[in-house]
Amino acid sequence: MNNRAEVHDFLTTRRAKITPEQAGLPAAGQRRVPGLRRSEVAALAGMSVEYYAKLERGSLAGVSAGVLEAIARALQLDEAERAHLMRLAQEASGTSALVRPTRRPKQWTVRPNLQWTLDTITAPAIVVNNRQDLLAANLLGRAMYSDVYTNANGVPNFGRFTFLDSTAHRFYPDWNLAADMTVANLRTAAGKDPHDKGLHDLVGELSTRSEDFRRRWSAHNVRTHGTGTKTFHHQVVGDLELAYETMDLRAEDGAGMTIYAAEPGSPTAQALTLLASWAATNESTPATSQR
């Protein structure tokens, strides 16, 4: 991905999200575009408007950490956005450990001990990589995401499922939130590894085939996927409201394990018990994936 274009689009979209009132500035005069003016961001960051305009055009090579922090404060970036800006600057300077030749996805097979670990977990558990490929799961995880597996053409992928499979609108009761999160995860992955050929191909495919994806991708939103609550509507057991925790797998570069849990005694806990019974009679284990 073109670093200068990524920097320009990211900074301009962040600037457009902040109102003068949010920045503590008077909202005087009519504005042609939403958000702050370049001159206002420059003033908030303590630099000349000419210098900030140069940075916003994509010239981040050699910029100090102090300048980047000043921009992050002026644009009120959250933790994920701040980390994304730092990675873009490292990429521009050629100093990031993530700068490496374009990689093609390799065939990936779940290691036996990783699958054993998944199978010892009694709650739904899955392994997903930065491209949102569903690499592995335990029995309950496969049952919970049966829709994702059923219609997958090759490796199950949450991006393709969310934007190209109409079933996703039933599976995610708040489809817009799920779509926003999926794209933000992919945008964050692109910042971490801008030379991932598989990710480039996925983004190109989704941009070509889905206006909903294309519009969200152009927003340049990023996020850190770690913990929270998600809601689903399963085809067999109905509504599920599940807490989740995601942890990085050190032995699997770019992959993380997500474990879901229901509040004890809740309707979702009862639904998971029913799902486990359904899964035991409909077990089907996917073999290999790509990473």
C-alpha atoms as a PDB file:
ATOM      1  CA  MET A   1       0.000   0.000   0.000  1.00  0.00           C
ATOM      2  CA  ASN A   2       1.239   3.541  -0.826  1.00  0.00           C
ATOM      3  CA  ASN A   3       2.534   4.993   2.423  1.00  0.00           C
ATOM      4  CA  ARG A   4       2.145   8.662   1.484  1.00  0.00           C
ATOM      5  CA  ALA A   5      -1.462   8.108   0.402  1.00  0.00           C
ATOM      6  CA  GLU A   6      -2.180   6.121   3.586  1.00  0.00           C
ATOM      7  CA  VAL A   7      -0.745   8.903   5.762  1.00  0.00           C
ATOM      8  CA  HIS A   8      -2.685  11.601   3.897  1.00  0.00           C
ATOM      9  CA  ASP A   9      -5.989   9.743   4.045  1.00  0.00           C
ATOM     10  CA  PHE A  10      -5.562   8.774   7.693  1.00  0.00           C
ATOM     11  CA  LEU A  11      -4.719  12.283   8.912  1.00  0.00           C
ATOM     12  CA  THR A  12      -7.400  14.015   6.843  1.00  0.00           C
ATOM     13  CA  THR A  13     -10.105  11.608   7.997  1.00  0.00           C
ATOM     14  CA  ARG A  14      -9.033  12.025  11.643  1.00  0.00           C
ATOM     15  CA  ARG A  15      -9.103  15.825  11.232  1.00  0.00           C
ATOM     16  CA  ALA A  16     -12.596  15.667   9.750  1.00  0.00           C
ATOM     17  CA  LYS A  17     -13.908  13.769  12.787  1.00  0.00           C
ATOM     18  CA  ILE A  18     -13.139  16.524  15.337  1.00  0.00           C
ATOM     19  CA  THR A  19     -15.362  19.557  15.708  1.00  0.00           C
ATOM     20  CA  PRO A  20     -13.971  22.901  16.898  1.00  0.00           C
ATOM     21  CA  GLU A  21     -16.067  22.519  20.053  1.00  0.00           C
ATOM     22  CA  GLN A  22     -14.417  19.160  20.825  1.00  0.00           C
ATOM     23  CA  ALA A  23     -11.010  20.778  20.381  1.00  0.00           C
ATOM     24  CA  GLY A  24     -11.915  23.735  22.608  1.00  0.00           C
ATOM     25  CA  LEU A  25     -11.928  26.206  19.714  1.00  0.00           C
ATOM     26  CA  PRO A  26     -14.552  28.787  18.739  1.00  0.00           C
ATOM     27  CA  ALA A  27     -16.750  27.637  15.845  1.00  0.00           C
ATOM     28  CA  ALA A  28     -16.625  30.962  14.038  1.00  0.00           C
ATOM     29  CA  GLY A  29     -17.581  31.245  10.387  1.00  0.00           C
ATOM     30  CA  GLN A  30     -19.055  28.771   7.935  1.00  0.00           C
ATOM     31  CA  ARG A  31     -16.950  25.712   7.093  1.00  0.00           C
ATOM     32  CA  ARG A  32     -16.860  24.113   3.668  1.00  0.00           C
ATOM     33  CA  VAL A  33     -15.822  20.731   5.070  1.00  0.00           C
ATOM     34  CA  PRO A  34     -16.463  19.042   8.437  1.00  0.00           C
ATOM     35  CA  GLY A  35     -13.897  19.005  11.199  1.00  0.00           C
ATOM     36  CA  LEU A  36     -10.884  21.143  11.950  1.00  0.00           C
ATOM     37  CA  ARG A  37      -8.901  23.267   9.518  1.00  0.00           C
ATOM     38  CA  ARG A  38      -5.217  22.476   8.940  1.00  0.00           C
ATOM     39  CA  SER A  39      -4.317  25.759  10.613  1.00  0.00           C
ATOM     40  CA  GLU A  40      -6.249  24.748  13.728  1.00  0.00           C
ATOM     41  CA  VAL A  41      -4.550  21.359  13.977  1.00  0.00           C
ATOM     42  CA  ALA A  42      -1.176  23.052  13.482  1.00  0.00           C
ATOM     43  CA  ALA A  43      -1.912  25.530  16.272  1.00  0.00           C
ATOM     44  CA  LEU A  44      -3.060  22.777  18.623  1.00  0.00           C
ATOM     45  CA  ALA A  45       0.082  20.748  17.838  1.00  0.00           C
ATOM     46  CA  GLY A  46       2.405  23.756  18.244  1.00  0.00           C
ATOM     47  CA  MET A  47       3.811  23.867  14.701  1.00  0.00           C
ATOM     48  CA  SER A  48       3.505  26.001  11.587  1.00  0.00           C
ATOM     49  CA  VAL A  49       0.606  25.360   9.239  1.00  0.00           C
ATOM     50  CA  GLU A  50       3.100  24.883   6.390  1.00  0.00           C
ATOM     51  CA  TYR A  51       4.894  22.116   8.283  1.00  0.00           C
ATOM     52  CA  TYR A  52       1.675  20.368   9.277  1.00  0.00           C
ATOM     53  CA  ALA A  53       0.380  20.583   5.689  1.00  0.00           C
ATOM     54  CA  LYS A  54       3.610  18.900   4.520  1.00  0.00           C
ATOM     55  CA  LEU A  55       3.111  16.103   7.052  1.00  0.00           C
ATOM     56  CA  GLU A  56      -0.531  15.668   6.073  1.00  0.00           C
ATOM     57  CA  ARG A  57       0.524  15.302   2.426  1.00  0.00           C
ATOM     58  CA  GLY A  58       2.314  12.154   3.536  1.00  0.00           C
ATOM     59  CA  SER A  59       5.855  13.282   4.359  1.00  0.00           C
ATOM     60  CA  LEU A  60       6.380  11.488   7.666  1.00  0.00           C
ATOM     61  CA  ALA A  61       9.912  10.220   6.969  1.00  0.00           C
ATOM     62  CA  GLY A  62      12.282  11.324   9.722  1.00  0.00           C
ATOM     63  CA  VAL A  63       9.583  12.977  11.847  1.00  0.00           C
ATOM     64  CA  SER A  64      10.395  12.842  15.555  1.00  0.00           C
ATOM     65  CA  ALA A  65       8.313  10.985  18.113  1.00  0.00           C
ATOM     66  CA  GLY A  66       7.587  14.308  19.821  1.00  0.00           C
ATOM     67  CA  VAL A  67       6.020  15.746  16.671  1.00  0.00           C
ATOM     68  CA  LEU A  68       3.943  12.613  16.167  1.00  0.00           C
ATOM     69  CA  GLU A  69       2.734  12.774  19.769  1.00  0.00           C
ATOM     70  CA  ALA A  70       1.775  16.418  19.312  1.00  0.00           C
ATOM     71  CA  ILE A  71      -0.285  15.516  16.237  1.00  0.00           C
ATOM     72  CA  ALA A  72      -1.883  12.611  18.092  1.00  0.00           C
ATOM     73  CA  ARG A  73      -2.907  14.933  20.939  1.00  0.00           C
ATOM     74  CA  ALA A  74      -4.225  17.602  18.576  1.00  0.00           C
ATOM     75  CA  LEU A  75      -6.312  15.042  16.670  1.00  0.00           C
ATOM     76  CA  GLN A  76      -7.389  13.343  19.922  1.00  0.00           C
ATOM     77  CA  LEU A  77      -6.325   9.920  18.635  1.00  0.00           C
ATOM     78  CA  ASP A  78      -7.222   6.895  20.702  1.00  0.00           C
ATOM     79  CA  GLU A  79      -4.703   4.164  21.522  1.00  0.00           C
ATOM     80  CA  ALA A  80      -5.279   2.188  18.324  1.00  0.00           C
ATOM     81  CA  GLU A  81      -5.129   5.308  16.126  1.00  0.00           C
ATOM     82  CA  ARG A  82      -1.962   6.545  17.843  1.00  0.00           C
ATOM     83  CA  ALA A  83      -0.241   3.182  17.298  1.00  0.00           C
ATOM     84  CA  HIS A  84      -1.364   3.211  13.655  1.00  0.00           C
ATOM     85  CA  LEU A  85       0.152   6.682  13.132  1.00  0.00           C
ATOM     86  CA  MET A  86       3.450   5.542  14.672  1.00  0.00           C
ATOM     87  CA  ARG A  87       3.552   2.498  12.377  1.00  0.00           C
ATOM     88  CA  LEU A  88       2.907   4.674   9.325  1.00  0.00           C
ATOM     89  CA  ALA A  89       5.790   6.926  10.370  1.00  0.00           C
ATOM     90  CA  GLN A  90       8.104   3.952  10.876  1.00  0.00           C
ATOM     91  CA  GLU A  91       7.158   2.611   7.471  1.00  0.00           C
ATOM     92  CA  ALA A  92       7.847   6.015   5.905  1.00  0.00           C
ATOM     93  CA  SER A  93      11.283   6.163   7.554  1.00  0.00           C
ATOM     94  CA  GLY A  94      12.154   2.558   6.741  1.00  0.00           C
ATOM     95  CA  THR A  95      12.942   1.920  10.404  1.00  0.00           C
ATOM     96  CA  SER A  96      10.127  -0.444  11.282  1.00  0.00           C
ATOM     97  CA  ALA A  97      10.841  -4.108  11.924  1.00  0.00           C
ATOM     98  CA  LEU A  98       7.653  -4.679   9.978  1.00  0.00           C
ATOM     99  CA  VAL A  99       9.179  -3.450   6.721  1.00  0.00           C
ATOM    100  CA  ARG A 100       9.851  -6.598   4.731  1.00  0.00           C
ATOM    101  CA  PRO A 101       9.323  -7.913   1.221  1.00  0.00           C
ATOM    102  CA  THR A 102       5.823  -8.722   0.061  1.00  0.00           C
ATOM    103  CA  ARG A 103       4.731 -12.060   1.484  1.00  0.00           C
ATOM    104  CA  ARG A 104       2.409 -14.513  -0.124  1.00  0.00           C
ATOM    105  CA  PRO A 105       0.117 -16.520   2.155  1.00  0.00           C
ATOM    106  CA  LYS A 106       1.396 -19.981   2.913  1.00  0.00           C
ATOM    107  CA  GLN A 107      -0.581 -23.126   3.492  1.00  0.00           C
ATOM    108  CA  TRP A 108      -1.332 -23.366   7.180  1.00  0.00           C
ATOM    109  CA  THR A 109      -2.347 -26.435   9.146  1.00  0.00           C
ATOM    110  CA  VAL A 110      -3.297 -26.282  12.792  1.00  0.00           C
ATOM    111  CA  ARG A 111      -0.605 -27.777  15.010  1.00  0.00           C
ATOM    112  CA  PRO A 112      -1.857 -30.798  16.977  1.00  0.00           C
ATOM    113  CA  ASN A 113      -1.003 -29.254  20.344  1.00  0.00           C
ATOM    114  CA  LEU A 114      -2.846 -26.048  19.420  1.00  0.00           C
ATOM    115  CA  GLN A 115      -5.937 -28.058  18.477  1.00  0.00           C
ATOM    116  CA  TRP A 116      -5.618 -30.060  21.702  1.00  0.00           C
ATOM    117  CA  THR A 117      -5.505 -26.774  23.614  1.00  0.00           C
ATOM    118  CA  LEU A 118      -8.616 -25.527  21.843  1.00  0.00           C
ATOM    119  CA  ASP A 119     -10.421 -28.799  22.516  1.00  0.00           C
ATOM    120  CA  THR A 120      -9.781 -28.582  26.276  1.00  0.00           C
ATOM    121  CA  ILE A 121     -11.698 -25.277  26.406  1.00  0.00           C
ATOM    122  CA  THR A 122     -15.361 -25.849  27.185  1.00  0.00           C
ATOM    123  CA  ALA A 123     -16.492 -22.448  25.851  1.00  0.00           C
ATOM    124  CA  PRO A 124     -16.444 -21.459  22.147  1.00  0.00           C
ATOM    125  CA  ALA A 125     -12.848 -20.769  21.103  1.00  0.00           C
ATOM    126  CA  ILE A 126     -11.396 -19.799  17.719  1.00  0.00           C
ATOM    127  CA  VAL A 127      -8.054 -18.798  16.168  1.00  0.00           C
ATOM    128  CA  VAL A 128      -8.071 -15.911  13.680  1.00  0.00           C
ATOM    129  CA  ASN A 129      -5.192 -14.184  11.881  1.00  0.00           C
ATOM    130  CA  ASN A 130      -4.750 -10.518  10.936  1.00  0.00           C
ATOM    131  CA  ARG A 131      -6.524 -11.060   7.613  1.00  0.00           C
ATOM    132  CA  GLN A 132      -9.560 -12.290   9.578  1.00  0.00           C
ATOM    133  CA  ASP A 133      -9.152 -15.859   8.310  1.00  0.00           C
ATOM    134  CA  LEU A 134     -10.830 -18.355  10.650  1.00  0.00           C
ATOM    135  CA  LEU A 135      -7.899 -20.747  11.059  1.00  0.00           C
ATOM    136  CA  ALA A 136      -9.034 -23.146  13.781  1.00  0.00           C
ATOM    137  CA  ALA A 137     -11.738 -23.696  16.393  1.00  0.00           C
ATOM    138  CA  ASN A 138     -12.920 -26.130  18.999  1.00  0.00           C
ATOM    139  CA  LEU A 139     -16.188 -28.032  18.589  1.00  0.00           C
ATOM    140  CA  LEU A 140     -18.328 -25.303  20.159  1.00  0.00           C
ATOM    141  CA  GLY A 141     -16.522 -22.598  18.198  1.00  0.00           C
ATOM    142  CA  ARG A 142     -17.240 -24.396  14.924  1.00  0.00           C
ATOM    143  CA  ALA A 143     -20.875 -24.798  15.936  1.00  0.00           C
ATOM    144  CA  MET A 144     -21.210 -21.140  16.857  1.00  0.00           C
ATOM    145  CA  TYR A 145     -19.692 -20.035  13.548  1.00  0.00           C
ATOM    146  CA  SER A 146     -21.367 -22.738  11.466  1.00  0.00           C
ATOM    147  CA  ASP A 147     -22.707 -20.079   9.080  1.00  0.00           C
ATOM    148  CA  VAL A 148     -19.177 -18.833   8.398  1.00  0.00           C
ATOM    149  CA  TYR A 149     -17.971 -22.364   7.634  1.00  0.00           C
ATOM    150  CA  THR A 150     -21.019 -23.425   5.599  1.00  0.00           C
ATOM    151  CA  ASN A 151     -20.774 -20.890   2.796  1.00  0.00           C
ATOM    152  CA  ALA A 152     -17.013 -20.383   2.747  1.00  0.00           C
ATOM    153  CA  ASN A 153     -15.329 -20.893  -0.610  1.00  0.00           C
ATOM    154  CA  GLY A 154     -11.973 -22.099   0.667  1.00  0.00           C
ATOM    155  CA  VAL A 155     -10.638 -20.596   3.888  1.00  0.00           C
ATOM    156  CA  PRO A 156     -13.423 -19.133   6.059  1.00  0.00           C
ATOM    157  CA  ASN A 157     -12.859 -15.382   6.313  1.00  0.00           C
ATOM    158  CA  PHE A 158     -14.839 -12.902   8.395  1.00  0.00           C
ATOM    159  CA  GLY A 159     -14.382 -10.111   5.865  1.00  0.00           C
ATOM    160  CA  ARG A 160     -15.885 -12.134   3.021  1.00  0.00           C
ATOM    161  CA  PHE A 161     -18.621 -13.491   5.281  1.00  0.00           C
ATOM    162  CA  THR A 162     -19.608 -10.053   6.579  1.00  0.00           C
ATOM    163  CA  PHE A 163     -19.731  -8.277   3.227  1.00  0.00           C
ATOM    164  CA  LEU A 164     -20.397 -10.965   0.628  1.00  0.00           C
ATOM    165  CA  ASP A 165     -22.718 -13.413   2.414  1.00  0.00           C
ATOM    166  CA  SER A 166     -26.309 -12.291   3.044  1.00  0.00           C
ATOM    167  CA  THR A 167     -26.462 -14.690   6.017  1.00  0.00           C
ATOM    168  CA  ALA A 168     -24.272 -12.248   7.937  1.00  0.00           C
ATOM    169  CA  HIS A 169     -27.174  -9.800   8.268  1.00  0.00           C
ATOM    170  CA  ARG A 170     -29.082 -12.416  10.248  1.00  0.00           C
ATOM    171  CA  PHE A 171     -26.048 -13.712  12.163  1.00  0.00           C
ATOM    172  CA  TYR A 172     -25.025 -10.217  13.337  1.00  0.00           C
ATOM    173  CA  PRO A 173     -28.118  -8.458  14.797  1.00  0.00           C
ATOM    174  CA  ASP A 174     -26.142  -5.194  14.670  1.00  0.00           C
ATOM    175  CA  TRP A 175     -24.640  -5.766  11.248  1.00  0.00           C
ATOM    176  CA  ASN A 176     -23.343  -2.205  10.885  1.00  0.00           C
ATOM    177  CA  LEU A 177     -21.311  -2.507  14.081  1.00  0.00           C
ATOM    178  CA  ALA A 178     -19.912  -5.889  13.003  1.00  0.00           C
ATOM    179  CA  ALA A 179     -19.023  -4.440   9.593  1.00  0.00           C
ATOM    180  CA  ASP A 180     -17.306  -1.414  11.148  1.00  0.00           C
ATOM    181  CA  MET A 181     -15.276  -3.626  13.478  1.00  0.00           C
ATOM    182  CA  THR A 182     -14.253  -6.005  10.687  1.00  0.00           C
ATOM    183  CA  VAL A 183     -12.969  -3.206   8.471  1.00  0.00           C
ATOM    184  CA  ALA A 184     -11.199  -1.468  11.360  1.00  0.00           C
ATOM    185  CA  ASN A 185      -9.439  -4.746  12.199  1.00  0.00           C
ATOM    186  CA  LEU A 186      -8.319  -5.133   8.579  1.00  0.00           C
ATOM    187  CA  ARG A 187      -7.162  -1.503   8.400  1.00  0.00           C
ATOM    188  CA  THR A 188      -5.140  -2.018  11.599  1.00  0.00           C
ATOM    189  CA  ALA A 189      -3.599  -5.173  10.104  1.00  0.00           C
ATOM    190  CA  ALA A 190      -2.640  -3.251   6.964  1.00  0.00           C
ATOM    191  CA  GLY A 191      -0.783  -0.742   9.119  1.00  0.00           C
ATOM    192  CA  LYS A 192       1.062  -3.481  10.993  1.00  0.00           C
ATOM    193  CA  ASP A 193       2.095  -5.376   7.849  1.00  0.00           C
ATOM    194  CA  PRO A 194       1.753  -3.226   4.700  1.00  0.00           C
ATOM    195  CA  HIS A 195       3.480  -5.893   2.579  1.00  0.00           C
ATOM    196  CA  ASP A 196       1.022  -8.725   3.233  1.00  0.00           C
ATOM    197  CA  LYS A 197       0.046  -9.889  -0.264  1.00  0.00           C
ATOM    198  CA  GLY A 198      -2.895 -11.910   1.020  1.00  0.00           C
ATOM    199  CA  LEU A 199      -4.296  -8.866   2.799  1.00  0.00           C
ATOM    200  CA  HIS A 200      -3.814  -6.713  -0.320  1.00  0.00           C
ATOM    201  CA  ASP A 201      -5.730  -9.274  -2.375  1.00  0.00           C
ATOM    202  CA  LEU A 202      -8.550  -9.502   0.185  1.00  0.00           C
ATOM    203  CA  VAL A 203      -8.980  -5.727   0.389  1.00  0.00           C
ATOM    204  CA  GLY A 204      -8.979  -5.495  -3.402  1.00  0.00           C
ATOM    205  CA  GLU A 205     -11.609  -8.218  -3.701  1.00  0.00           C
ATOM    206  CA  LEU A 206     -13.899  -6.713  -1.068  1.00  0.00           C
ATOM    207  CA  SER A 207     -13.479  -3.191  -2.446  1.00  0.00           C
ATOM    208  CA  THR A 208     -14.474  -4.412  -5.896  1.00  0.00           C
ATOM    209  CA  ARG A 209     -17.453  -6.462  -4.759  1.00  0.00           C
ATOM    210  CA  SER A 210     -18.906  -4.437  -1.880  1.00  0.00           C
ATOM    211  CA  GLU A 211     -19.812  -0.742  -1.753  1.00  0.00           C
ATOM    212  CA  ASP A 212     -20.379  -1.115   2.006  1.00  0.00           C
ATOM    213  CA  PHE A 213     -16.799  -2.297   2.441  1.00  0.00           C
ATOM    214  CA  ARG A 214     -15.359   0.329   0.091  1.00  0.00           C
ATOM    215  CA  ARG A 215     -17.052   3.160   1.981  1.00  0.00           C
ATOM    216  CA  ARG A 216     -15.850   1.901   5.355  1.00  0.00           C
ATOM    217  CA  TRP A 217     -12.313   1.258   4.115  1.00  0.00           C
ATOM    218  CA  SER A 218     -12.031   4.877   2.948  1.00  0.00           C
ATOM    219  CA  ALA A 219     -12.846   6.062   6.488  1.00  0.00           C
ATOM    220  CA  HIS A 220      -9.427   4.772   7.729  1.00  0.00           C
ATOM    221  CA  ASN A 221     -10.773   3.737  11.141  1.00  0.00           C
ATOM    222  CA  VAL A 222      -8.578   1.388  13.197  1.00  0.00           C
ATOM    223  CA  ARG A 223      -9.133  -0.505  16.432  1.00  0.00           C
ATOM    224  CA  THR A 224      -7.487  -2.785  18.970  1.00  0.00           C
ATOM    225  CA  HIS A 225      -9.357  -6.076  19.263  1.00  0.00           C
ATOM    226  CA  GLY A 226      -9.001  -7.393  22.809  1.00  0.00           C
ATOM    227  CA  THR A 227     -12.080  -7.660  24.970  1.00  0.00           C
ATOM    228  CA  GLY A 228     -15.754  -6.785  24.991  1.00  0.00           C
ATOM    229  CA  THR A 229     -19.214  -8.170  24.333  1.00  0.00           C
ATOM    230  CA  LYS A 230     -20.698  -9.378  21.042  1.00  0.00           C
ATOM    231  CA  THR A 231     -24.202 -10.403  20.056  1.00  0.00           C
ATOM    232  CA  PHE A 232     -25.128 -13.058  17.506  1.00  0.00           C
ATOM    233  CA  HIS A 233     -28.275 -14.735  16.228  1.00  0.00           C
ATOM    234  CA  HIS A 234     -27.532 -18.407  15.679  1.00  0.00           C
ATOM    235  CA  GLN A 235     -29.641 -20.366  13.210  1.00  0.00           C
ATOM    236  CA  VAL A 236     -30.350 -23.132  15.769  1.00  0.00           C
ATOM    237  CA  VAL A 237     -30.241 -21.668  19.286  1.00  0.00           C
ATOM    238  CA  GLY A 238     -31.219 -18.055  18.615  1.00  0.00           C
ATOM    239  CA  ASP A 239     -29.765 -14.985  20.316  1.00  0.00           C
ATOM    240  CA  LEU A 240     -26.369 -15.105  22.004  1.00  0.00           C
ATOM    241  CA  GLU A 241     -24.781 -12.333  24.063  1.00  0.00           C
ATOM    242  CA  LEU A 242     -21.186 -13.318  24.746  1.00  0.00           C
ATOM    243  CA  ALA A 243     -18.232 -11.706  26.464  1.00  0.00           C
ATOM    244  CA  TYR A 244     -14.914 -12.354  24.732  1.00  0.00           C
ATOM    245  CA  GLU A 245     -11.198 -12.169  25.428  1.00  0.00           C
ATOM    246  CA  THR A 246      -8.573 -12.250  22.660  1.00  0.00           C
ATOM    247  CA  MET A 247      -4.918 -13.116  23.270  1.00  0.00           C
ATOM    248  CA  ASP A 248      -1.961 -13.209  20.891  1.00  0.00           C
ATOM    249  CA  LEU A 249      -0.402 -16.586  20.116  1.00  0.00           C
ATOM    250  CA  ARG A 250       3.366 -16.162  20.277  1.00  0.00           C
ATOM    251  CA  ALA A 251       4.070 -19.248  18.159  1.00  0.00           C
ATOM    252  CA  GLU A 252       1.658 -18.125  15.422  1.00  0.00           C
ATOM    253  CA  ASP A 253       2.752 -14.794  13.922  1.00  0.00           C
ATOM    254  CA  GLY A 254      -0.233 -12.488  13.523  1.00  0.00           C
ATOM    255  CA  ALA A 255      -2.777 -14.925  14.968  1.00  0.00           C
ATOM    256  CA  GLY A 256      -4.858 -14.651  18.104  1.00  0.00           C
ATOM    257  CA  MET A 257      -7.142 -16.909  20.105  1.00  0.00           C
ATOM    258  CA  THR A 258     -10.569 -15.605  21.091  1.00  0.00           C
ATOM    259  CA  ILE A 259     -12.567 -17.306  23.859  1.00  0.00           C
ATOM    260  CA  TYR A 260     -16.241 -16.518  24.402  1.00  0.00           C
ATOM    261  CA  ALA A 261     -18.148 -16.786  27.677  1.00  0.00           C
ATOM    262  CA  ALA A 262     -21.753 -16.372  28.781  1.00  0.00           C
ATOM    263  CA  GLU A 263     -22.905 -14.940  32.077  1.00  0.00           C
ATOM    264  CA  PRO A 264     -23.676 -17.905  34.357  1.00  0.00           C
ATOM    265  CA  GLY A 265     -27.377 -18.683  34.552  1.00  0.00           C
ATOM    266  CA  SER A 266     -28.244 -16.372  31.674  1.00  0.00           C
ATOM    267  CA  PRO A 267     -30.366 -17.306  28.638  1.00  0.00           C
ATOM    268  CA  THR A 268     -27.158 -17.335  26.607  1.00  0.00           C
ATOM    269  CA  ALA A 269     -25.601 -19.876  28.978  1.00  0.00           C
ATOM    270  CA  GLN A 270     -28.622 -22.116  28.428  1.00  0.00           C
ATOM    271  CA  ALA A 271     -28.359 -21.559  24.672  1.00  0.00           C
ATOM    272  CA  LEU A 272     -24.695 -22.633  24.737  1.00  0.00           C
ATOM    273  CA  THR A 273     -25.683 -25.858  26.463  1.00  0.00           C
ATOM    274  CA  LEU A 274     -28.172 -26.494  23.673  1.00  0.00           C
ATOM    275  CA  LEU A 275     -25.541 -25.555  21.088  1.00  0.00           C
ATOM    276  CA  ALA A 276     -23.119 -28.076  22.564  1.00  0.00           C
ATOM    277  CA  SER A 277     -25.726 -30.827  22.192  1.00  0.00           C
ATOM    278  CA  TRP A 278     -26.419 -29.774  18.615  1.00  0.00           C
ATOM    279  CA  ALA A 279     -22.684 -29.650  17.858  1.00  0.00           C
ATOM    280  CA  ALA A 280     -22.112 -33.162  19.206  1.00  0.00           C
ATOM    281  CA  THR A 281     -24.569 -34.553  16.664  1.00  0.00           C
ATOM    282  CA  ASN A 282     -23.406 -32.382  13.749  1.00  0.00           C
ATOM    283  CA  GLU A 283     -19.627 -32.479  14.160  1.00  0.00           C
ATOM    284  CA  SER A 284     -17.622 -31.611  11.046  1.00  0.00           C
ATOM    285  CA  THR A 285     -13.982 -30.644  11.355  1.00  0.00           C
ATOM    286  CA  PRO A 286     -12.421 -28.321   8.707  1.00  0.00           C
ATOM    287  CA  ALA A 287      -8.950 -29.508   7.750  1.00  0.00           C
ATOM    288  CA  THR A 288      -6.444 -26.852   6.668  1.00  0.00           C
ATOM    289  CA  SER A 289      -6.349 -23.121   6.288  1.00  0.00           C
ATOM    290  CA  GLN A 290      -4.100 -20.448   4.822  1.00  0.00           C
ATOM    291  CA  ARG A 291      -2.321 -17.874   6.821  1.00  0.00           C
END
